[in-house]
Amino acid sequence: MSYIARRALSTLIPPKIASPSAIGGAQDAVRMQRVVNFYEKLPRGPAPKRQPKGPLEWYQHRYMGENPSAMPLLHLIGGIILLGYSFNYYFHLRHHKNNAH
């Protein structure tokens, strides 16, 4: 079982593994040993940090991760300006390139 899958399963299994009736019961000893073995195999400590894999994840990690900034807003404003100018050029300005209006 992979490391991530084991970490995901750790949240599904409740930590309540012993009850008053199960303590000292010989019939439950094997079952308790299986539960103990399962919990021993679970990873300890904090989960490792994921590295960004694609351009969108890299952008989110860089500008919206642990140290968020306002650069995505500036990028959005710049993109809208470029898109607006390109529409203006295509629908109007290119017709007046060599001739006056």
PDB file of N, CA and C in Angstrom:
ATOM      1  N   MET A   1       0.847  -1.165   0.000  1.00  0.00           N
ATOM      2  CA  MET A   1       0.000   0.000   0.000  1.00  0.00           C
ATOM      3  C   MET A   1       0.896   1.232   0.000  1.00  0.00           C
ATOM      4  N   SER A   2       0.562   2.198  -0.823  1.00  0.00           N
ATOM      5  CA  SER A   2       1.419   3.367  -0.941  1.00  0.00           C
ATOM      6  C   SER A   2       1.297   4.260   0.294  1.00  0.00           C
ATOM      7  N   TYR A   3       2.240   5.129   0.404  1.00  0.00           N
ATOM      8  CA  TYR A   3       2.327   6.034   1.548  1.00  0.00           C
ATOM      9  C   TYR A   3       1.102   6.943   1.611  1.00  0.00           C
ATOM     10  N   ILE A   4       0.696   7.501   0.474  1.00  0.00           N
ATOM     11  CA  ILE A   4      -0.437   8.427   0.442  1.00  0.00           C
ATOM     12  C   ILE A   4      -1.736   7.699   0.729  1.00  0.00           C
ATOM     13  N   ALA A   5      -1.884   6.492   0.194  1.00  0.00           N
ATOM     14  CA  ALA A   5      -3.107   5.727   0.437  1.00  0.00           C
ATOM     15  C   ALA A   5      -3.227   5.373   1.915  1.00  0.00           C
ATOM     16  N   ARG A   6      -2.141   5.015   2.546  1.00  0.00           N
ATOM     17  CA  ARG A   6      -2.192   4.714   3.972  1.00  0.00           C
ATOM     18  C   ARG A   6      -2.557   5.951   4.783  1.00  0.00           C
ATOM     19  N   ARG A   7      -2.029   7.113   4.384  1.00  0.00           N
ATOM     20  CA  ARG A   7      -2.343   8.355   5.083  1.00  0.00           C
ATOM     21  C   ARG A   7      -3.820   8.696   4.891  1.00  0.00           C
ATOM     22  N   ALA A   8      -4.364   8.437   3.711  1.00  0.00           N
ATOM     23  CA  ALA A   8      -5.781   8.712   3.472  1.00  0.00           C
ATOM     24  C   ALA A   8      -6.659   7.763   4.285  1.00  0.00           C
ATOM     25  N   LEU A   9      -6.246   6.524   4.424  1.00  0.00           N
ATOM     26  CA  LEU A   9      -7.032   5.566   5.200  1.00  0.00           C
ATOM     27  C   LEU A   9      -6.998   5.865   6.694  1.00  0.00           C
ATOM     28  N   SER A  10      -5.963   6.553   7.131  1.00  0.00           N
ATOM     29  CA  SER A  10      -5.849   6.810   8.564  1.00  0.00           C
ATOM     30  C   SER A  10      -6.977   7.693   9.072  1.00  0.00           C
ATOM     31  N   THR A  11      -7.576   8.492   8.206  1.00  0.00           N
ATOM     32  CA  THR A  11      -8.681   9.334   8.646  1.00  0.00           C
ATOM     33  C   THR A  11     -10.002   8.585   8.627  1.00  0.00           C
ATOM     34  N   LEU A  12     -10.068   7.441   7.961  1.00  0.00           N
ATOM     35  CA  LEU A  12     -11.307   6.690   7.876  1.00  0.00           C
ATOM     36  C   LEU A  12     -11.521   5.750   9.045  1.00  0.00           C
ATOM     37  N   ILE A  13     -10.438   5.294   9.670  1.00  0.00           N
ATOM     38  CA  ILE A  13     -10.535   4.319  10.747  1.00  0.00           C
ATOM     39  C   ILE A  13     -10.485   5.055  12.075  1.00  0.00           C
ATOM     40  N   PRO A  14     -11.509   4.917  12.893  1.00  0.00           N
ATOM     41  CA  PRO A  14     -11.530   5.663  14.151  1.00  0.00           C
ATOM     42  C   PRO A  14     -10.492   5.132  15.130  1.00  0.00           C
ATOM     43  N   PRO A  15      -9.991   5.996  16.008  1.00  0.00           N
ATOM     44  CA  PRO A  15      -8.984   5.562  16.967  1.00  0.00           C
ATOM     45  C   PRO A  15      -9.558   4.755  18.123  1.00  0.00           C
ATOM     46  N   LYS A  16     -10.852   4.592  18.185  1.00  0.00           N
ATOM     47  CA  LYS A  16     -11.460   3.822  19.269  1.00  0.00           C
ATOM     48  C   LYS A  16     -11.284   2.334  18.953  1.00  0.00           C
ATOM     49  N   ILE A  17     -10.202   1.764  19.440  1.00  0.00           N
ATOM     50  CA  ILE A  17      -9.884   0.376  19.076  1.00  0.00           C
ATOM     51  C   ILE A  17     -10.106  -0.590  20.228  1.00  0.00           C
ATOM     52  N   ALA A  18     -10.295  -0.082  21.423  1.00  0.00           N
ATOM     53  CA  ALA A  18     -10.484  -0.984  22.565  1.00  0.00           C
ATOM     54  C   ALA A  18     -11.721  -0.567  23.330  1.00  0.00           C
ATOM     55  N   SER A  19     -12.462  -1.521  23.728  1.00  0.00           N
ATOM     56  CA  SER A  19     -13.634  -1.264  24.554  1.00  0.00           C
ATOM     57  C   SER A  19     -13.467  -2.033  25.864  1.00  0.00           C
ATOM     58  N   PRO A  20     -14.227  -1.697  26.892  1.00  0.00           N
ATOM     59  CA  PRO A  20     -14.072  -2.410  28.178  1.00  0.00           C
ATOM     60  C   PRO A  20     -14.310  -3.914  28.053  1.00  0.00           C
ATOM     61  N   SER A  21     -15.194  -4.325  27.145  1.00  0.00           N
ATOM     62  CA  SER A  21     -15.440  -5.762  27.024  1.00  0.00           C
ATOM     63  C   SER A  21     -14.318  -6.471  26.268  1.00  0.00           C
ATOM     64  N   ALA A  22     -13.554  -5.726  25.451  1.00  0.00           N
ATOM     65  CA  ALA A  22     -12.504  -6.360  24.664  1.00  0.00           C
ATOM     66  C   ALA A  22     -11.184  -6.476  25.432  1.00  0.00           C
ATOM     67  N   ILE A  23     -11.047  -5.742  26.509  1.00  0.00           N
ATOM     68  CA  ILE A  23      -9.787  -5.780  27.252  1.00  0.00           C
ATOM     69  C   ILE A  23      -9.676  -7.127  27.961  1.00  0.00           C
ATOM     70  N   GLY A  24      -8.618  -7.809  27.677  1.00  0.00           N
ATOM     71  CA  GLY A  24      -8.358  -9.083  28.327  1.00  0.00           C
ATOM     72  C   GLY A  24      -9.140 -10.244  27.748  1.00  0.00           C
ATOM     73  N   GLY A  25      -9.955 -10.024  26.761  1.00  0.00           N
ATOM     74  CA  GLY A  25     -10.711 -11.112  26.154  1.00  0.00           C
ATOM     75  C   GLY A  25      -9.833 -11.884  25.191  1.00  0.00           C
ATOM     76  N   ALA A  26      -9.688 -13.198  25.396  1.00  0.00           N
ATOM     77  CA  ALA A  26      -8.822 -14.002  24.535  1.00  0.00           C
ATOM     78  C   ALA A  26      -9.373 -14.094  23.111  1.00  0.00           C
ATOM     79  N   GLN A  27     -10.692 -14.081  22.954  1.00  0.00           N
ATOM     80  CA  GLN A  27     -11.263 -14.210  21.620  1.00  0.00           C
ATOM     81  C   GLN A  27     -10.993 -12.950  20.786  1.00  0.00           C
ATOM     82  N   ASP A  28     -10.784 -11.808  21.422  1.00  0.00           N
ATOM     83  CA  ASP A  28     -10.524 -10.572  20.690  1.00  0.00           C
ATOM     84  C   ASP A  28      -9.030 -10.265  20.553  1.00  0.00           C
ATOM     85  N   ALA A  29      -8.189 -11.103  21.108  1.00  0.00           N
ATOM     86  CA  ALA A  29      -6.755 -10.815  21.093  1.00  0.00           C
ATOM     87  C   ALA A  29      -6.207 -10.789  19.674  1.00  0.00           C
ATOM     88  N   VAL A  30      -6.636 -11.694  18.820  1.00  0.00           N
ATOM     89  CA  VAL A  30      -6.133 -11.727  17.442  1.00  0.00           C
ATOM     90  C   VAL A  30      -6.605 -10.495  16.685  1.00  0.00           C
ATOM     91  N   ARG A  31      -7.867 -10.154  16.872  1.00  0.00           N
ATOM     92  CA  ARG A  31      -8.408  -8.977  16.201  1.00  0.00           C
ATOM     93  C   ARG A  31      -7.697  -7.711  16.672  1.00  0.00           C
ATOM     94  N   MET A  32      -7.453  -7.617  17.971  1.00  0.00           N
ATOM     95  CA  MET A  32      -6.742  -6.457  18.501  1.00  0.00           C
ATOM     96  C   MET A  32      -5.315  -6.401  17.971  1.00  0.00           C
ATOM     97  N   GLN A  33      -4.672  -7.551  17.818  1.00  0.00           N
ATOM     98  CA  GLN A  33      -3.312  -7.570  17.287  1.00  0.00           C
ATOM     99  C   GLN A  33      -3.289  -7.081  15.837  1.00  0.00           C
ATOM    100  N   ARG A  34      -4.317  -7.449  15.053  1.00  0.00           N
ATOM    101  CA  ARG A  34      -4.390  -6.970  13.671  1.00  0.00           C
ATOM    102  C   ARG A  34      -4.578  -5.454  13.631  1.00  0.00           C
ATOM    103  N   VAL A  35      -5.397  -4.938  14.529  1.00  0.00           N
ATOM    104  CA  VAL A  35      -5.606  -3.491  14.582  1.00  0.00           C
ATOM    105  C   VAL A  35      -4.323  -2.792  14.997  1.00  0.00           C
ATOM    106  N   VAL A  36      -3.630  -3.325  15.976  1.00  0.00           N
ATOM    107  CA  VAL A  36      -2.373  -2.733  16.431  1.00  0.00           C
ATOM    108  C   VAL A  36      -1.339  -2.763  15.312  1.00  0.00           C
ATOM    109  N   ASN A  37      -1.260  -3.869  14.595  1.00  0.00           N
ATOM    110  CA  ASN A  37      -0.316  -3.952  13.473  1.00  0.00           C
ATOM    111  C   ASN A  37      -0.644  -2.924  12.395  1.00  0.00           C
ATOM    112  N   PHE A  38      -1.941  -2.746  12.133  1.00  0.00           N
ATOM    113  CA  PHE A  38      -2.329  -1.751  11.139  1.00  0.00           C
ATOM    114  C   PHE A  38      -1.890  -0.356  11.560  1.00  0.00           C
ATOM    115  N   TYR A  39      -2.141  -0.001  12.824  1.00  0.00           N
ATOM    116  CA  TYR A  39      -1.763   1.319  13.300  1.00  0.00           C
ATOM    117  C   TYR A  39      -0.252   1.504  13.367  1.00  0.00           C
ATOM    118  N   GLU A  40       0.502   0.428  13.579  1.00  0.00           N
ATOM    119  CA  GLU A  40       1.964   0.544  13.589  1.00  0.00           C
ATOM    120  C   GLU A  40       2.500   0.867  12.213  1.00  0.00           C
ATOM    121  N   LYS A  41       1.820   0.419  11.163  1.00  0.00           N
ATOM    122  CA  LYS A  41       2.288   0.647   9.793  1.00  0.00           C
ATOM    123  C   LYS A  41       1.936   2.033   9.263  1.00  0.00           C
ATOM    124  N   LEU A  42       1.029   2.741   9.919  1.00  0.00           N
ATOM    125  CA  LEU A  42       0.660   4.075   9.453  1.00  0.00           C
ATOM    126  C   LEU A  42       1.834   5.036   9.615  1.00  0.00           C
ATOM    127  N   PRO A  43       1.988   5.975   8.682  1.00  0.00           N
ATOM    128  CA  PRO A  43       3.091   6.937   8.788  1.00  0.00           C
ATOM    129  C   PRO A  43       2.871   7.905   9.945  1.00  0.00           C
ATOM    130  N   ARG A  44       3.963   8.346  10.504  1.00  0.00           N
ATOM    131  CA  ARG A  44       3.910   9.275  11.624  1.00  0.00           C
ATOM    132  C   ARG A  44       4.429  10.628  11.178  1.00  0.00           C
ATOM    133  N   GLY A  45       3.985  11.642  11.865  1.00  0.00           N
ATOM    134  CA  GLY A  45       4.450  12.987  11.576  1.00  0.00           C
ATOM    135  C   GLY A  45       3.621  13.662  10.509  1.00  0.00           C
ATOM    136  N   PRO A  46       4.015  14.884  10.158  1.00  0.00           N
ATOM    137  CA  PRO A  46       3.250  15.634   9.159  1.00  0.00           C
ATOM    138  C   PRO A  46       3.434  15.037   7.764  1.00  0.00           C
ATOM    139  N   ALA A  47       2.442  15.250   6.926  1.00  0.00           N
ATOM    140  CA  ALA A  47       2.507  14.760   5.549  1.00  0.00           C
ATOM    141  C   ALA A  47       3.552  15.562   4.778  1.00  0.00           C
ATOM    142  N   PRO A  48       4.267  14.926   3.861  1.00  0.00           N
ATOM    143  CA  PRO A  48       5.257  15.669   3.074  1.00  0.00           C
ATOM    144  C   PRO A  48       4.571  16.665   2.151  1.00  0.00           C
ATOM    145  N   LYS A  49       5.246  17.785   1.880  1.00  0.00           N
ATOM    146  CA  LYS A  49       4.690  18.808   1.003  1.00  0.00           C
ATOM    147  C   LYS A  49       4.737  18.345  -0.442  1.00  0.00           C
ATOM    148  N   ARG A  50       3.646  18.590  -1.139  1.00  0.00           N
ATOM    149  CA  ARG A  50       3.573  18.207  -2.554  1.00  0.00           C
ATOM    150  C   ARG A  50       4.297  19.225  -3.413  1.00  0.00           C
ATOM    151  N   GLN A  51       4.968  18.744  -4.428  1.00  0.00           N
ATOM    152  CA  GLN A  51       5.604  19.625  -5.385  1.00  0.00           C
ATOM    153  C   GLN A  51       4.636  19.868  -6.538  1.00  0.00           C
ATOM    154  N   PRO A  52       4.563  21.105  -7.057  1.00  0.00           N
ATOM    155  CA  PRO A  52       3.660  21.372  -8.176  1.00  0.00           C
ATOM    156  C   PRO A  52       4.095  20.607  -9.415  1.00  0.00           C
ATOM    157  N   LYS A  53       3.105  20.066 -10.157  1.00  0.00           N
ATOM    158  CA  LYS A  53       3.421  19.229 -11.312  1.00  0.00           C
ATOM    159  C   LYS A  53       3.238  19.940 -12.635  1.00  0.00           C
ATOM    160  N   GLY A  54       2.271  20.816 -12.760  1.00  0.00           N
ATOM    161  CA  GLY A  54       1.998  21.478 -14.024  1.00  0.00           C
ATOM    162  C   GLY A  54       2.106  22.980 -13.896  1.00  0.00           C
ATOM    163  N   PRO A  55       1.899  23.698 -15.004  1.00  0.00           N
ATOM    164  CA  PRO A  55       2.016  25.155 -14.954  1.00  0.00           C
ATOM    165  C   PRO A  55       0.966  25.810 -14.053  1.00  0.00           C
ATOM    166  N   LEU A  56      -0.260  25.287 -14.043  1.00  0.00           N
ATOM    167  CA  LEU A  56      -1.298  25.869 -13.192  1.00  0.00           C
ATOM    168  C   LEU A  56      -0.983  25.631 -11.715  1.00  0.00           C
ATOM    169  N   GLU A  57      -0.542  24.431 -11.369  1.00  0.00           N
ATOM    170  CA  GLU A  57      -0.169  24.155  -9.977  1.00  0.00           C
ATOM    171  C   GLU A  57       1.043  24.980  -9.561  1.00  0.00           C
ATOM    172  N   TRP A  58       1.995  25.175 -10.496  1.00  0.00           N
ATOM    173  CA  TRP A  58       3.164  25.998 -10.187  1.00  0.00           C
ATOM    174  C   TRP A  58       2.730  27.429  -9.896  1.00  0.00           C
ATOM    175  N   TYR A  59       1.810  27.971 -10.719  1.00  0.00           N
ATOM    176  CA  TYR A  59       1.330  29.335 -10.529  1.00  0.00           C
ATOM    177  C   TYR A  59       0.612  29.469  -9.187  1.00  0.00           C
ATOM    178  N   GLN A  60      -0.252  28.506  -8.872  1.00  0.00           N
ATOM    179  CA  GLN A  60      -0.964  28.552  -7.597  1.00  0.00           C
ATOM    180  C   GLN A  60       0.008  28.445  -6.423  1.00  0.00           C
ATOM    181  N   HIS A  61       1.003  27.581  -6.547  1.00  0.00           N
ATOM    182  CA  HIS A  61       1.987  27.414  -5.464  1.00  0.00           C
ATOM    183  C   HIS A  61       2.801  28.694  -5.285  1.00  0.00           C
ATOM    184  N   ARG A  62       3.164  29.319  -6.391  1.00  0.00           N
ATOM    185  CA  ARG A  62       4.017  30.504  -6.322  1.00  0.00           C
ATOM    186  C   ARG A  62       3.279  31.728  -5.780  1.00  0.00           C
ATOM    187  N   TYR A  63       2.064  31.987  -6.273  1.00  0.00           N
ATOM    188  CA  TYR A  63       1.382  33.224  -5.926  1.00  0.00           C
ATOM    189  C   TYR A  63       0.259  33.058  -4.905  1.00  0.00           C
ATOM    190  N   MET A  64      -0.252  31.839  -4.683  1.00  0.00           N
ATOM    191  CA  MET A  64      -1.379  31.661  -3.769  1.00  0.00           C
ATOM    192  C   MET A  64      -1.081  30.646  -2.676  1.00  0.00           C
ATOM    193  N   GLY A  65       0.156  30.243  -2.510  1.00  0.00           N
ATOM    194  CA  GLY A  65       0.511  29.208  -1.547  1.00  0.00           C
ATOM    195  C   GLY A  65       0.672  29.752  -0.143  1.00  0.00           C
ATOM    196  N   GLU A  66       1.813  29.482   0.462  1.00  0.00           N
ATOM    197  CA  GLU A  66       2.058  29.882   1.846  1.00  0.00           C
ATOM    198  C   GLU A  66       2.174  31.397   1.992  1.00  0.00           C
ATOM    199  N   ASN A  67       2.658  32.059   0.945  1.00  0.00           N
ATOM    200  CA  ASN A  67       2.882  33.501   1.005  1.00  0.00           C
ATOM    201  C   ASN A  67       2.092  34.168  -0.127  1.00  0.00           C
ATOM    202  N   PRO A  68       0.777  34.316   0.007  1.00  0.00           N
ATOM    203  CA  PRO A  68      -0.035  34.852  -1.091  1.00  0.00           C
ATOM    204  C   PRO A  68       0.273  36.323  -1.361  1.00  0.00           C
ATOM    205  N   SER A  69       0.108  36.723  -2.634  1.00  0.00           N
ATOM    206  CA  SER A  69       0.363  38.105  -3.009  1.00  0.00           C
ATOM    207  C   SER A  69      -0.746  38.592  -3.932  1.00  0.00           C
ATOM    208  N   ALA A  70      -0.654  39.841  -4.340  1.00  0.00           N
ATOM    209  CA  ALA A  70      -1.656  40.458  -5.210  1.00  0.00           C
ATOM    210  C   ALA A  70      -1.292  40.321  -6.682  1.00  0.00           C
ATOM    211  N   MET A  71      -0.237  39.619  -7.000  1.00  0.00           N
ATOM    212  CA  MET A  71       0.188  39.496  -8.400  1.00  0.00           C
ATOM    213  C   MET A  71      -0.871  38.855  -9.293  1.00  0.00           C
ATOM    214  N   PRO A  72      -1.660  37.870  -8.852  1.00  0.00           N
ATOM    215  CA  PRO A  72      -2.695  37.345  -9.748  1.00  0.00           C
ATOM    216  C   PRO A  72      -3.692  38.419 -10.197  1.00  0.00           C
ATOM    217  N   LEU A  73      -4.000  39.384  -9.330  1.00  0.00           N
ATOM    218  CA  LEU A  73      -4.887  40.479  -9.740  1.00  0.00           C
ATOM    219  C   LEU A  73      -4.230  41.356 -10.796  1.00  0.00           C
ATOM    220  N   LEU A  74      -2.940  41.633 -10.620  1.00  0.00           N
ATOM    221  CA  LEU A  74      -2.225  42.425 -11.622  1.00  0.00           C
ATOM    222  C   LEU A  74      -2.119  41.665 -12.941  1.00  0.00           C
ATOM    223  N   HIS A  75      -1.913  40.362 -12.881  1.00  0.00           N
ATOM    224  CA  HIS A  75      -1.875  39.557 -14.098  1.00  0.00           C
ATOM    225  C   HIS A  75      -3.229  39.571 -14.797  1.00  0.00           C
ATOM    226  N   LEU A  76      -4.298  39.498 -14.027  1.00  0.00           N
ATOM    227  CA  LEU A  76      -5.648  39.536 -14.591  1.00  0.00           C
ATOM    228  C   LEU A  76      -5.915  40.886 -15.261  1.00  0.00           C
ATOM    229  N   ILE A  77      -5.550  41.973 -14.605  1.00  0.00           N
ATOM    230  CA  ILE A  77      -5.741  43.306 -15.186  1.00  0.00           C
ATOM    231  C   ILE A  77      -4.924  43.445 -16.468  1.00  0.00           C
ATOM    232  N   GLY A  78      -3.675  43.003 -16.452  1.00  0.00           N
ATOM    233  CA  GLY A  78      -2.835  43.059 -17.653  1.00  0.00           C
ATOM    234  C   GLY A  78      -3.407  42.204 -18.778  1.00  0.00           C
ATOM    235  N   GLY A  79      -3.930  41.032 -18.443  1.00  0.00           N
ATOM    236  CA  GLY A  79      -4.528  40.173 -19.463  1.00  0.00           C
ATOM    237  C   GLY A  79      -5.765  40.794 -20.083  1.00  0.00           C
ATOM    238  N   ILE A  80      -6.588  41.443 -19.253  1.00  0.00           N
ATOM    239  CA  ILE A  80      -7.785  42.118 -19.781  1.00  0.00           C
ATOM    240  C   ILE A  80      -7.387  43.280 -20.686  1.00  0.00           C
ATOM    241  N   ILE A  81      -6.360  44.023 -20.308  1.00  0.00           N
ATOM    242  CA  ILE A  81      -5.889  45.131 -21.150  1.00  0.00           C
ATOM    243  C   ILE A  81      -5.377  44.599 -22.482  1.00  0.00           C
ATOM    244  N   LEU A  82      -4.573  43.544 -22.464  1.00  0.00           N
ATOM    245  CA  LEU A  82      -4.060  42.965 -23.717  1.00  0.00           C
ATOM    246  C   LEU A  82      -5.183  42.412 -24.583  1.00  0.00           C
ATOM    247  N   LEU A  83      -6.132  41.744 -23.972  1.00  0.00           N
ATOM    248  CA  LEU A  83      -7.259  41.201 -24.720  1.00  0.00           C
ATOM    249  C   LEU A  83      -8.110  42.327 -25.322  1.00  0.00           C
ATOM    250  N   GLY A  84      -8.352  43.376 -24.571  1.00  0.00           N
ATOM    251  CA  GLY A  84      -9.119  44.519 -25.073  1.00  0.00           C
ATOM    252  C   GLY A  84      -8.412  45.205 -26.225  1.00  0.00           C
ATOM    253  N   TYR A  85      -7.099  45.402 -26.106  1.00  0.00           N
ATOM    254  CA  TYR A  85      -6.364  46.039 -27.203  1.00  0.00           C
ATOM    255  C   TYR A  85      -6.362  45.158 -28.445  1.00  0.00           C
ATOM    256  N   SER A  86      -6.229  43.858 -28.253  1.00  0.00           N
ATOM    257  CA  SER A  86      -6.221  42.984 -29.432  1.00  0.00           C
ATOM    258  C   SER A  86      -7.579  42.995 -30.131  1.00  0.00           C
ATOM    259  N   PHE A  87      -8.675  43.028 -29.373  1.00  0.00           N
ATOM    260  CA  PHE A  87     -10.004  43.141 -29.995  1.00  0.00           C
ATOM    261  C   PHE A  87     -10.153  44.480 -30.710  1.00  0.00           C
ATOM    262  N   ASN A  88      -9.690  45.553 -30.079  1.00  0.00           N
ATOM    263  CA  ASN A  88      -9.774  46.877 -30.677  1.00  0.00           C
ATOM    264  C   ASN A  88      -8.957  46.926 -31.968  1.00  0.00           C
ATOM    265  N   TYR A  89      -7.785  46.350 -31.963  1.00  0.00           N
ATOM    266  CA  TYR A  89      -6.962  46.334 -33.172  1.00  0.00           C
ATOM    267  C   TYR A  89      -7.641  45.524 -34.270  1.00  0.00           C
ATOM    268  N   TYR A  90      -8.140  44.353 -33.935  1.00  0.00           N
ATOM    269  CA  TYR A  90      -8.732  43.475 -34.953  1.00  0.00           C
ATOM    270  C   TYR A  90      -9.988  44.090 -35.561  1.00  0.00           C
ATOM    271  N   PHE A  91     -10.842  44.670 -34.754  1.00  0.00           N
ATOM    272  CA  PHE A  91     -12.116  45.161 -35.262  1.00  0.00           C
ATOM    273  C   PHE A  91     -12.079  46.616 -35.723  1.00  0.00           C
ATOM    274  N   HIS A  92     -11.047  47.378 -35.379  1.00  0.00           N
ATOM    275  CA  HIS A  92     -11.056  48.779 -35.761  1.00  0.00           C
ATOM    276  C   HIS A  92      -9.700  49.282 -36.258  1.00  0.00           C
ATOM    277  N   LEU A  93      -8.661  49.129 -35.470  1.00  0.00           N
ATOM    278  CA  LEU A  93      -7.395  49.790 -35.776  1.00  0.00           C
ATOM    279  C   LEU A  93      -6.701  49.246 -37.022  1.00  0.00           C
ATOM    280  N   ARG A  94      -6.851  48.002 -37.356  1.00  0.00           N
ATOM    281  CA  ARG A  94      -6.141  47.448 -38.506  1.00  0.00           C
ATOM    282  C   ARG A  94      -6.661  48.026 -39.823  1.00  0.00           C
ATOM    283  N   HIS A  95      -7.864  48.541 -39.824  1.00  0.00           N
ATOM    284  CA  HIS A  95      -8.420  49.138 -41.039  1.00  0.00           C
ATOM    285  C   HIS A  95      -7.858  50.538 -41.280  1.00  0.00           C
ATOM    286  N   HIS A  96      -7.265  51.128 -40.266  1.00  0.00           N
ATOM    287  CA  HIS A  96      -6.732  52.489 -40.399  1.00  0.00           C
ATOM    288  C   HIS A  96      -5.206  52.489 -40.360  1.00  0.00           C
ATOM    289  N   LYS A  97      -4.604  51.359 -40.683  1.00  0.00           N
ATOM    290  CA  LYS A  97      -3.143  51.261 -40.585  1.00  0.00           C
ATOM    291  C   LYS A  97      -2.450  52.205 -41.575  1.00  0.00           C
ATOM    292  N   ASN A  98      -2.919  52.230 -42.832  1.00  0.00           N
ATOM    293  CA  ASN A  98      -2.245  53.032 -43.853  1.00  0.00           C
ATOM    294  C   ASN A  98      -3.064  54.232 -44.288  1.00  0.00           C
ATOM    295  N   ASN A  99      -4.304  54.280 -43.955  1.00  0.00           N
ATOM    296  CA  ASN A  99      -5.146  55.382 -44.409  1.00  0.00           C
ATOM    297  C   ASN A  99      -5.714  56.126 -43.199  1.00  0.00           C
ATOM    298  N   ALA A 100      -5.921  57.411 -43.391  1.00  0.00           N
ATOM    299  CA  ALA A 100      -6.555  58.201 -42.342  1.00  0.00           C
ATOM    300  C   ALA A 100      -8.047  57.921 -42.339  1.00  0.00           C
ATOM    301  N   HIS A 101      -8.682  58.180 -41.271  1.00  0.00           N
ATOM    302  CA  HIS A 101     -10.118  57.894 -41.138  1.00  0.00           C
ATOM    303  C   HIS A 101     -10.926  58.804 -41.996  1.00  0.00           C
TER     304      HIS A 101
END
